Amino acid sequence: MSFQTQEARIILAIEAIRTSKKLSRRKAIKVYNVPKSTLRLRINGATSLPERRLANTNLNELEE
């Protein structure tokens, strides 16, 4: 399972929770097959690992 497909499923699960009043977090975890802790952290505002790595770089691609 690649990271991109899991990332896409996490984003879809968050959007489904926000738009649907009947979809709970527990149900979204089962439907979208995402880790409970990851979904909880993302809903609470945590960023993904690639986004954090980009934020930590000092030089952009052109400067390198």
Protein backbone atom coordinates (compact mmCIF):
# COMPACT_ATOMS: atom_id res chain seq x y z
CA MET A 1 0.00 0.00 0.00
CA SER A 2 1.57 3.25 -1.05
CA PHE A 3 1.51 6.44 0.98
CA GLN A 4 -0.42 8.38 -1.66
CA THR A 5 -3.37 6.03 -1.65
CA GLN A 6 -3.56 6.12 2.14
CA GLU A 7 -3.27 9.90 2.09
CA ALA A 8 -6.10 10.11 -0.44
CA ARG A 9 -8.29 7.85 1.70
CA ILE A 10 -7.60 9.99 4.78
CA ILE A 11 -8.61 13.14 2.92
CA LEU A 12 -11.76 11.48 1.61
CA ALA A 13 -12.67 10.26 5.10
CA ILE A 14 -12.25 13.74 6.60
CA GLU A 15 -14.37 15.33 3.86
CA ALA A 16 -17.05 12.66 4.28
CA ILE A 17 -17.19 13.25 8.05
CA ARG A 18 -17.47 17.00 7.59
CA THR A 19 -20.19 16.86 4.93
CA SER A 20 -22.31 14.00 6.27
CA LYS A 21 -24.11 14.37 9.57
CA LYS A 22 -24.77 10.62 9.81
CA LEU A 23 -21.19 9.41 9.25
CA SER A 24 -19.29 8.97 12.49
CA ARG A 25 -15.52 8.79 12.82
CA ARG A 26 -15.73 5.11 13.72
CA LYS A 27 -17.76 4.32 10.61
CA ALA A 28 -15.43 6.39 8.39
CA ILE A 29 -12.43 4.46 9.75
CA LYS A 30 -14.02 1.20 8.64
CA VAL A 31 -15.36 2.47 5.31
CA TYR A 32 -12.15 4.21 4.19
CA ASN A 33 -9.75 1.76 5.91
CA VAL A 34 -7.63 4.42 7.62
CA PRO A 35 -5.85 4.31 10.99
CA LYS A 36 -7.89 5.69 13.89
CA SER A 37 -5.02 7.72 15.36
CA THR A 38 -4.08 9.27 12.02
CA LEU A 39 -7.64 10.31 11.27
CA ARG A 40 -8.04 11.79 14.76
CA LEU A 41 -4.81 13.79 14.45
CA ARG A 42 -5.67 15.11 10.99
CA ILE A 43 -9.15 16.20 12.04
CA ASN A 44 -7.55 18.04 14.96
CA GLY A 45 -5.19 19.93 12.63
CA ALA A 46 -2.00 17.87 12.33
CA THR A 47 -0.22 17.99 8.96
CA SER A 48 0.99 15.03 6.94
CA LEU A 49 4.62 13.95 7.02
CA PRO A 50 5.51 15.22 3.51
CA GLU A 51 4.02 18.62 4.31
CA ARG A 52 6.06 18.82 7.51
CA ARG A 53 9.24 17.93 5.62
CA LEU A 54 8.60 20.67 3.07
CA ALA A 55 8.09 23.20 5.85
CA ASN A 56 11.44 22.29 7.40
CA THR A 57 13.54 22.92 4.29
CA ASN A 58 15.54 26.11 4.14
CA LEU A 59 16.03 26.30 0.39
CA ASN A 60 13.43 25.89 -2.29
CA GLU A 61 14.08 23.92 -5.48
CA LEU A 62 15.27 26.95 -7.44
CA GLU A 63 17.77 28.03 -4.78
CA GLU A 64 19.36 24.57 -4.66
